[in-house]
């Protein structure tokens, strides 16, 4: 075994151990939601932000706050309201007087954005100006006040929630701002057995003690490991083709895309497909990416980047349904070529 291969195995073992410990601690508080937890972990190790969509009462806030506790990271919850101002998030400058000298000077008071894990609760409840302030911090990892830049300490994650059933008095995020989120995660209702377990756990006099199992520096190290996972060129082309086929104006776009899609995904979607696939590969115990990894993150990456037409809405076609058809179309076109050039990639994704 070469030294490089040994290092790869150690990296895989380390990230699997970390995720296993996080899942174990989360399991003391959160019942079910395994797919949601996996997607959150993939995004965190990929340095991405997430948008969680789900009706009230599905423990979205509890999940995010508990996740922050397992990672021993400072956590801020911001409740977005129509009267929330940008400075309420980023912070503001105030005049303070030095009692000794009597001199006055501006001092920057940091807002709740200066934490490692940010829960932006009901982000669509606040006006675009305030949304943009948060999204700028997400993208630039800094806040500018009074001409001075204030850096946000890594690791830095924004996990925003939206309520899909109450749209009155909301300010939907524009597509350009939605594109800043790596994943759109759908939080569904629990199964009957899971709901029974939730009732038993939450209506009794028991308390769970969640312990931190990983630190900020360790998360940064694992994020670097994800970036080092190799991806074969055919896999990159597979991800690119999946994204490019969503664009109505391209030659690759199939007929159903031209009928159902008004606007498709940009290059950032392909970047997130590859990064998400790298992180998933490590979670699955591999130091290489297969097409199954791309497929596994495709819905979360693409669903909020595909704008459907009125025709699609009238026929009940969703962005998830379009992604399903895209995966089928890409596989039917590319699978033979992939098998010739990279047999393991296709066989592993079957």
Protein backbone atom coordinates (compact mmCIF):
# COMPACT_ATOMS: atom_id res chain seq x y z
CA UNK A 1 0.00 0.00 0.00
CA UNK A 2 1.42 3.40 -1.02
CA UNK A 3 1.64 6.28 1.44
CA UNK A 4 -0.88 8.31 -0.60
CA UNK A 5 -3.38 5.43 -0.56
CA UNK A 6 -2.94 5.03 3.19
CA UNK A 7 -3.66 8.75 3.68
CA UNK A 8 -6.80 8.39 1.56
CA UNK A 9 -8.05 5.53 3.72
CA UNK A 10 -7.38 7.54 6.88
CA UNK A 11 -9.35 10.46 5.44
CA UNK A 12 -12.30 8.21 4.62
CA UNK A 13 -12.23 6.64 8.09
CA UNK A 14 -12.03 10.03 9.76
CA UNK A 15 -15.03 11.52 7.97
CA UNK A 16 -17.07 8.34 8.44
CA UNK A 17 -16.28 8.33 12.17
CA UNK A 18 -17.23 12.01 12.47
CA UNK A 19 -20.53 11.60 10.63
CA UNK A 20 -21.34 8.46 12.59
CA UNK A 21 -20.82 10.30 15.88
CA UNK A 22 -22.91 13.27 14.68
CA UNK A 23 -25.74 10.97 13.59
CA UNK A 24 -25.63 9.17 16.94
CA UNK A 25 -25.94 12.40 18.91
CA UNK A 26 -28.65 13.78 16.62
CA UNK A 27 -30.57 10.51 17.02
CA UNK A 28 -31.08 11.30 20.70
CA UNK A 29 -33.19 14.33 19.75
CA UNK A 30 -34.22 13.97 16.10
CA UNK A 31 -36.29 10.95 15.11
CA UNK A 32 -36.16 9.96 11.45
CA UNK A 33 -35.16 12.54 8.81
CA UNK A 34 -32.16 10.41 7.78
CA UNK A 35 -32.10 11.79 4.22
CA UNK A 36 -32.30 15.39 5.49
CA UNK A 37 -29.44 14.81 7.93
CA UNK A 38 -27.27 13.23 5.22
CA UNK A 39 -27.86 16.16 2.86
CA UNK A 40 -27.03 18.65 5.62
CA UNK A 41 -23.77 16.84 6.38
CA UNK A 42 -22.86 16.71 2.69
CA UNK A 43 -23.45 20.46 2.39
CA UNK A 44 -21.46 21.24 5.54
CA UNK A 45 -18.45 19.23 4.42
CA UNK A 46 -18.75 20.87 0.97
CA UNK A 47 -18.80 24.41 2.45
CA UNK A 48 -22.33 24.96 1.17
CA UNK A 49 -25.47 26.63 2.49
CA UNK A 50 -28.91 25.00 2.58
CA UNK A 51 -32.53 26.03 2.16
CA UNK A 52 -34.91 23.79 4.13
CA UNK A 53 -38.50 23.64 2.89
CA UNK A 54 -41.13 22.13 5.15
CA UNK A 55 -44.40 22.82 6.95
CA UNK A 56 -44.31 24.01 10.58
CA UNK A 57 -43.70 21.48 13.33
CA UNK A 58 -41.20 19.21 11.56
CA UNK A 59 -38.34 20.09 13.93
CA UNK A 60 -36.31 22.08 11.39
CA UNK A 61 -35.14 24.57 14.02
CA UNK A 62 -34.41 21.82 16.54
CA UNK A 63 -32.43 19.88 13.94
CA UNK A 64 -30.21 22.84 13.06
CA UNK A 65 -29.60 23.92 16.67
CA UNK A 66 -28.81 20.34 17.73
CA UNK A 67 -26.45 19.95 14.76
CA UNK A 68 -24.57 23.07 15.91
CA UNK A 69 -24.26 21.59 19.41
CA UNK A 70 -22.78 18.34 18.07
CA UNK A 71 -20.16 20.37 16.20
CA UNK A 72 -19.44 22.62 19.20
CA UNK A 73 -20.03 25.74 17.09
CA UNK A 74 -21.63 29.07 18.05
CA UNK A 75 -25.24 29.14 16.84
CA UNK A 76 -27.57 32.06 16.01
CA UNK A 77 -31.24 31.88 15.19
CA UNK A 78 -32.63 34.86 13.29
CA UNK A 79 -36.41 35.08 13.01
CA UNK A 80 -37.10 36.89 9.77
CA UNK A 81 -40.01 39.35 9.95
CA UNK A 82 -41.31 42.11 7.64
CA UNK A 83 -39.75 44.82 9.83
CA UNK A 84 -36.29 43.24 10.09
CA UNK A 85 -33.55 45.59 8.87
CA UNK A 86 -30.15 44.61 7.38
CA UNK A 87 -28.35 46.06 10.42
CA UNK A 88 -30.41 43.76 12.66
CA UNK A 89 -28.52 40.89 11.03
CA UNK A 90 -25.09 42.25 10.26
CA UNK A 91 -24.67 44.66 13.17
CA UNK A 92 -24.43 48.45 13.44
CA UNK A 93 -22.07 51.24 14.40
CA UNK A 94 -22.78 53.21 17.56
CA UNK A 95 -21.08 56.21 19.14
CA UNK A 96 -19.38 55.45 22.44
CA UNK A 97 -17.74 57.95 24.77
CA UNK A 98 -14.47 57.22 26.53
CA UNK A 99 -15.20 58.10 30.16
CA UNK A 100 -11.53 58.85 30.82
CA UNK A 101 -10.77 61.19 27.93
CA UNK A 102 -14.28 62.25 27.03
CA UNK A 103 -13.61 61.46 23.38
CA UNK A 104 -16.29 59.90 21.25
CA UNK A 105 -15.70 57.22 18.64
CA UNK A 106 -17.69 54.81 16.52
CA UNK A 107 -17.74 51.19 17.62
CA UNK A 108 -19.13 48.32 15.59
CA UNK A 109 -21.55 46.10 17.47
CA UNK A 110 -21.68 42.69 15.83
CA UNK A 111 -25.03 41.27 14.83
CA UNK A 112 -26.21 37.65 15.02
CA UNK A 113 -24.58 36.85 11.67
CA UNK A 114 -21.26 36.57 13.57
CA UNK A 115 -21.68 32.92 14.47
CA UNK A 116 -20.64 29.70 12.75
CA UNK A 117 -24.09 28.20 12.23
CA UNK A 118 -26.92 30.59 11.28
CA UNK A 119 -30.55 29.55 11.21
CA UNK A 120 -32.43 32.03 9.02
CA UNK A 121 -35.98 31.16 10.07
CA UNK A 122 -38.62 31.87 7.40
CA UNK A 123 -36.25 33.84 5.18
CA UNK A 124 -39.09 34.67 2.81
CA UNK A 125 -40.84 36.71 5.55
CA UNK A 126 -38.47 39.66 5.24
CA UNK A 127 -38.04 42.24 2.42
CA UNK A 128 -35.43 41.78 -0.34
CA UNK A 129 -33.03 44.36 1.13
CA UNK A 130 -32.63 42.34 4.32
CA UNK A 131 -32.47 39.06 2.41
CA UNK A 132 -29.68 40.52 0.28
CA UNK A 133 -27.68 41.50 3.38
CA UNK A 134 -27.70 37.90 4.56
CA UNK A 135 -26.93 36.51 1.12
CA UNK A 136 -23.99 38.90 0.70
CA UNK A 137 -22.51 37.60 3.95
CA UNK A 138 -23.06 34.03 2.71
CA UNK A 139 -21.18 34.71 -0.49
CA UNK A 140 -18.40 37.02 0.70
CA UNK A 141 -17.98 35.63 4.25
CA UNK A 142 -17.67 39.21 5.47
CA UNK A 143 -19.74 42.22 6.56
CA UNK A 144 -18.94 45.79 5.56
CA UNK A 145 -19.91 48.60 7.96
CA UNK A 146 -18.65 52.16 7.88
CA UNK A 147 -16.24 51.28 5.09
CA UNK A 148 -14.56 48.62 7.22
CA UNK A 149 -14.69 44.90 6.48
CA UNK A 150 -15.45 42.45 9.28
CA UNK A 151 -14.61 38.86 8.42
CA UNK A 152 -16.89 35.97 9.41
CA UNK A 153 -14.96 33.21 11.12
CA UNK A 154 -14.98 29.84 9.31
CA UNK A 155 -16.59 27.39 9.24
CA UNK A 156 -19.70 29.38 8.32
CA UNK A 157 -23.04 27.86 7.35
CA UNK A 158 -26.41 29.45 6.69
CA UNK A 159 -29.38 27.11 6.96
CA UNK A 160 -32.51 28.99 5.92
CA UNK A 161 -36.09 27.73 6.28
CA UNK A 162 -39.23 28.44 4.30
CA UNK A 163 -42.85 27.52 4.94
CA UNK A 164 -44.31 26.23 1.64
CA UNK A 165 -47.98 26.60 2.61
CA UNK A 166 -48.20 30.21 3.80
CA UNK A 167 -47.42 32.60 0.95
CA UNK A 168 -49.44 35.63 2.04
CA UNK A 169 -47.18 38.52 3.02
CA UNK A 170 -44.00 36.79 1.88
CA UNK A 171 -41.10 37.93 -0.27
CA UNK A 172 -39.99 34.94 -2.39
CA UNK A 173 -36.26 34.74 -3.00
CA UNK A 174 -35.32 35.61 -6.60
CA UNK A 175 -33.69 32.87 -8.65
CA UNK A 176 -30.33 34.67 -8.55
CA UNK A 177 -30.40 34.55 -4.74
CA UNK A 178 -31.68 30.98 -4.60
CA UNK A 179 -28.62 30.04 -6.63
CA UNK A 180 -26.44 30.94 -3.62
CA UNK A 181 -27.79 27.91 -1.76
CA UNK A 182 -26.04 24.65 -2.53
CA UNK A 183 -29.06 22.50 -1.64
CA UNK A 184 -32.79 22.92 -1.38
CA UNK A 185 -33.77 20.23 1.10
CA UNK A 186 -37.37 19.05 1.39
CA UNK A 187 -38.38 18.13 4.94
CA UNK A 188 -41.31 15.71 4.75
CA UNK A 189 -43.79 14.41 7.30
CA UNK A 190 -42.58 11.52 9.48
CA UNK A 191 -43.76 7.96 8.92
CA UNK A 192 -46.34 6.49 11.29
CA UNK A 193 -43.68 4.65 13.32
CA UNK A 194 -41.49 7.75 13.49
CA UNK A 195 -44.41 9.89 14.60
CA UNK A 196 -45.26 7.38 17.34
CA UNK A 197 -41.63 7.55 18.55
CA UNK A 198 -41.78 11.36 18.46
CA UNK A 199 -44.93 11.37 20.61
CA UNK A 200 -43.38 9.02 23.14
CA UNK A 201 -40.15 11.02 23.33
CA UNK A 202 -41.63 14.53 23.50
CA UNK A 203 -44.52 13.94 25.90
CA UNK A 204 -42.50 12.28 28.66
CA UNK A 205 -40.23 13.67 31.36
CA UNK A 206 -36.96 12.76 29.71
CA UNK A 207 -34.14 14.97 28.51
CA UNK A 208 -31.38 14.14 26.05
CA UNK A 209 -27.85 15.36 26.66
CA UNK A 210 -26.27 16.04 23.27
CA UNK A 211 -22.48 16.18 23.39
CA UNK A 212 -20.10 17.88 20.93
CA UNK A 213 -18.26 15.30 18.84
CA UNK A 214 -16.31 17.48 16.41
CA UNK A 215 -14.76 20.95 16.47
CA UNK A 216 -14.51 23.84 14.03
CA UNK A 217 -10.86 23.16 13.08
CA UNK A 218 -11.70 19.49 12.47
CA UNK A 219 -14.57 20.50 10.19
CA UNK A 220 -12.22 22.75 8.22
CA UNK A 221 -9.81 19.85 7.87
CA UNK A 222 -12.56 17.53 6.59
CA UNK A 223 -13.70 20.21 4.14
CA UNK A 224 -10.18 20.20 2.71
CA UNK A 225 -10.30 16.41 2.45
CA UNK A 226 -13.50 16.65 0.39
CA UNK A 227 -11.79 18.98 -2.07
CA UNK A 228 -8.97 16.48 -2.54
CA UNK A 229 -11.24 13.61 -3.62
CA UNK A 230 -10.39 12.86 -7.29
CA UNK A 231 -13.09 12.90 -9.96
CA UNK A 232 -12.60 11.22 -13.33
CA UNK A 233 -13.24 13.32 -16.42
CA UNK A 234 -16.22 11.19 -17.60
CA UNK A 235 -17.92 11.82 -14.23
CA UNK A 236 -17.36 15.58 -14.60
CA UNK A 237 -18.83 15.41 -18.10
CA UNK A 238 -21.79 13.44 -16.73
CA UNK A 239 -22.49 16.24 -14.21
CA UNK A 240 -21.99 18.93 -16.85
CA UNK A 241 -24.37 17.22 -19.26
CA UNK A 242 -27.00 16.92 -16.54
CA UNK A 243 -26.80 20.67 -15.93
CA UNK A 244 -26.51 21.72 -19.57
CA UNK A 245 -29.60 19.72 -20.53
CA UNK A 246 -31.69 21.97 -18.26
CA UNK A 247 -30.95 24.97 -20.50
CA UNK A 248 -33.64 25.47 -23.10
CA UNK A 249 -31.37 27.31 -25.54
CA UNK A 250 -28.73 24.55 -25.80
CA UNK A 251 -28.59 21.74 -28.35
CA UNK A 252 -28.48 19.18 -25.54
CA UNK A 253 -31.90 20.16 -24.21
CA UNK A 254 -34.46 17.38 -24.84
CA UNK A 255 -38.00 18.15 -26.00
CA UNK A 256 -39.52 17.82 -22.53
CA UNK A 257 -37.12 20.48 -21.21
CA UNK A 258 -38.10 22.86 -24.01
CA UNK A 259 -41.75 22.32 -23.09
CA UNK A 260 -41.54 22.40 -19.29
CA UNK A 261 -38.52 24.55 -18.41
CA UNK A 262 -38.44 28.34 -18.68
CA UNK A 263 -34.93 28.73 -17.29
CA UNK A 264 -32.24 26.22 -16.43
CA UNK A 265 -29.25 25.88 -14.11
CA UNK A 266 -25.95 27.71 -14.43
CA UNK A 267 -22.35 26.50 -13.98
CA UNK A 268 -22.61 26.80 -10.18
CA UNK A 269 -24.99 23.82 -10.29
CA UNK A 270 -22.28 21.64 -11.83
CA UNK A 271 -19.78 22.80 -9.22
CA UNK A 272 -22.18 21.81 -6.43
CA UNK A 273 -23.01 18.49 -8.11
CA UNK A 274 -19.32 17.58 -8.11
CA UNK A 275 -18.59 18.87 -4.60
CA UNK A 276 -21.69 17.19 -3.19
CA UNK A 277 -20.75 13.94 -4.94
CA UNK A 278 -17.25 14.12 -3.44
CA UNK A 279 -18.63 14.52 0.08
CA UNK A 280 -21.16 11.73 -0.44
CA UNK A 281 -18.43 9.42 -1.72
CA UNK A 282 -16.51 9.91 1.53
CA UNK A 283 -19.65 9.32 3.59
CA UNK A 284 -20.12 6.08 1.65
CA UNK A 285 -16.55 4.99 2.42
CA UNK A 286 -14.92 5.76 -0.93
CA UNK A 287 -12.17 8.15 -2.01
CA UNK A 288 -13.46 8.35 -5.58
CA UNK A 289 -16.71 9.54 -7.14
CA UNK A 290 -19.17 7.41 -9.13
CA UNK A 291 -22.23 8.45 -11.12
CA UNK A 292 -24.49 7.30 -8.30
CA UNK A 293 -23.03 10.09 -6.14
CA UNK A 294 -24.00 12.68 -8.76
CA UNK A 295 -27.51 11.23 -9.01
CA UNK A 296 -27.90 11.21 -5.21
CA UNK A 297 -27.38 14.99 -4.91
CA UNK A 298 -28.96 16.00 -8.23
CA UNK A 299 -32.45 16.77 -6.89
CA UNK A 300 -31.22 18.89 -3.98
CA UNK A 301 -28.86 20.82 -6.29
CA UNK A 302 -31.17 21.32 -9.27
CA UNK A 303 -34.72 21.60 -7.94
CA UNK A 304 -34.43 25.30 -7.04
CA UNK A 305 -32.41 26.11 -10.15
CA UNK A 306 -35.03 24.90 -12.64
CA UNK A 307 -37.80 27.40 -13.35
CA UNK A 308 -40.83 25.59 -14.78
CA UNK A 309 -43.24 26.95 -17.38
CA UNK A 310 -46.98 27.47 -17.03
CA UNK A 311 -47.42 24.37 -19.16
CA UNK A 312 -45.51 22.28 -16.62
CA UNK A 313 -47.53 23.72 -13.73
CA UNK A 314 -50.78 23.03 -15.55
CA UNK A 315 -49.74 19.41 -16.12
CA UNK A 316 -48.59 18.98 -12.52
CA UNK A 317 -44.94 18.55 -13.54
CA UNK A 318 -42.47 19.47 -10.78
CA UNK A 319 -38.78 20.27 -10.94
CA UNK A 320 -38.07 16.97 -9.17
CA UNK A 321 -39.95 15.12 -11.92
CA UNK A 322 -37.90 16.95 -14.54
CA UNK A 323 -34.65 15.97 -12.75
CA UNK A 324 -35.79 12.32 -12.78
CA UNK A 325 -36.32 12.49 -16.54
CA UNK A 326 -32.99 14.28 -17.03
CA UNK A 327 -31.09 11.56 -15.18
CA UNK A 328 -32.78 8.94 -17.33
CA UNK A 329 -32.00 10.87 -20.51
CA UNK A 330 -28.34 11.44 -19.61
CA UNK A 331 -27.86 7.78 -18.68
CA UNK A 332 -29.43 6.54 -21.89
CA UNK A 333 -27.18 8.82 -23.95
CA UNK A 334 -23.94 8.45 -22.01
CA UNK A 335 -23.95 5.07 -20.30
CA UNK A 336 -22.44 3.16 -23.21
CA UNK A 337 -19.58 5.64 -23.52
CA UNK A 338 -18.97 5.67 -19.78
CA UNK A 339 -18.83 1.87 -19.67
CA UNK A 340 -16.11 1.87 -22.33
CA UNK A 341 -14.02 4.55 -20.65
CA UNK A 342 -14.76 4.00 -16.96
CA UNK A 343 -16.37 0.60 -16.21
CA UNK A 344 -16.33 1.02 -12.40
CA UNK A 345 -18.21 4.30 -12.58
CA UNK A 346 -21.21 2.80 -14.35
CA UNK A 347 -21.23 -0.52 -12.54
CA UNK A 348 -21.04 1.21 -9.16
CA UNK A 349 -24.04 3.40 -10.00
CA UNK A 350 -26.33 0.60 -11.09
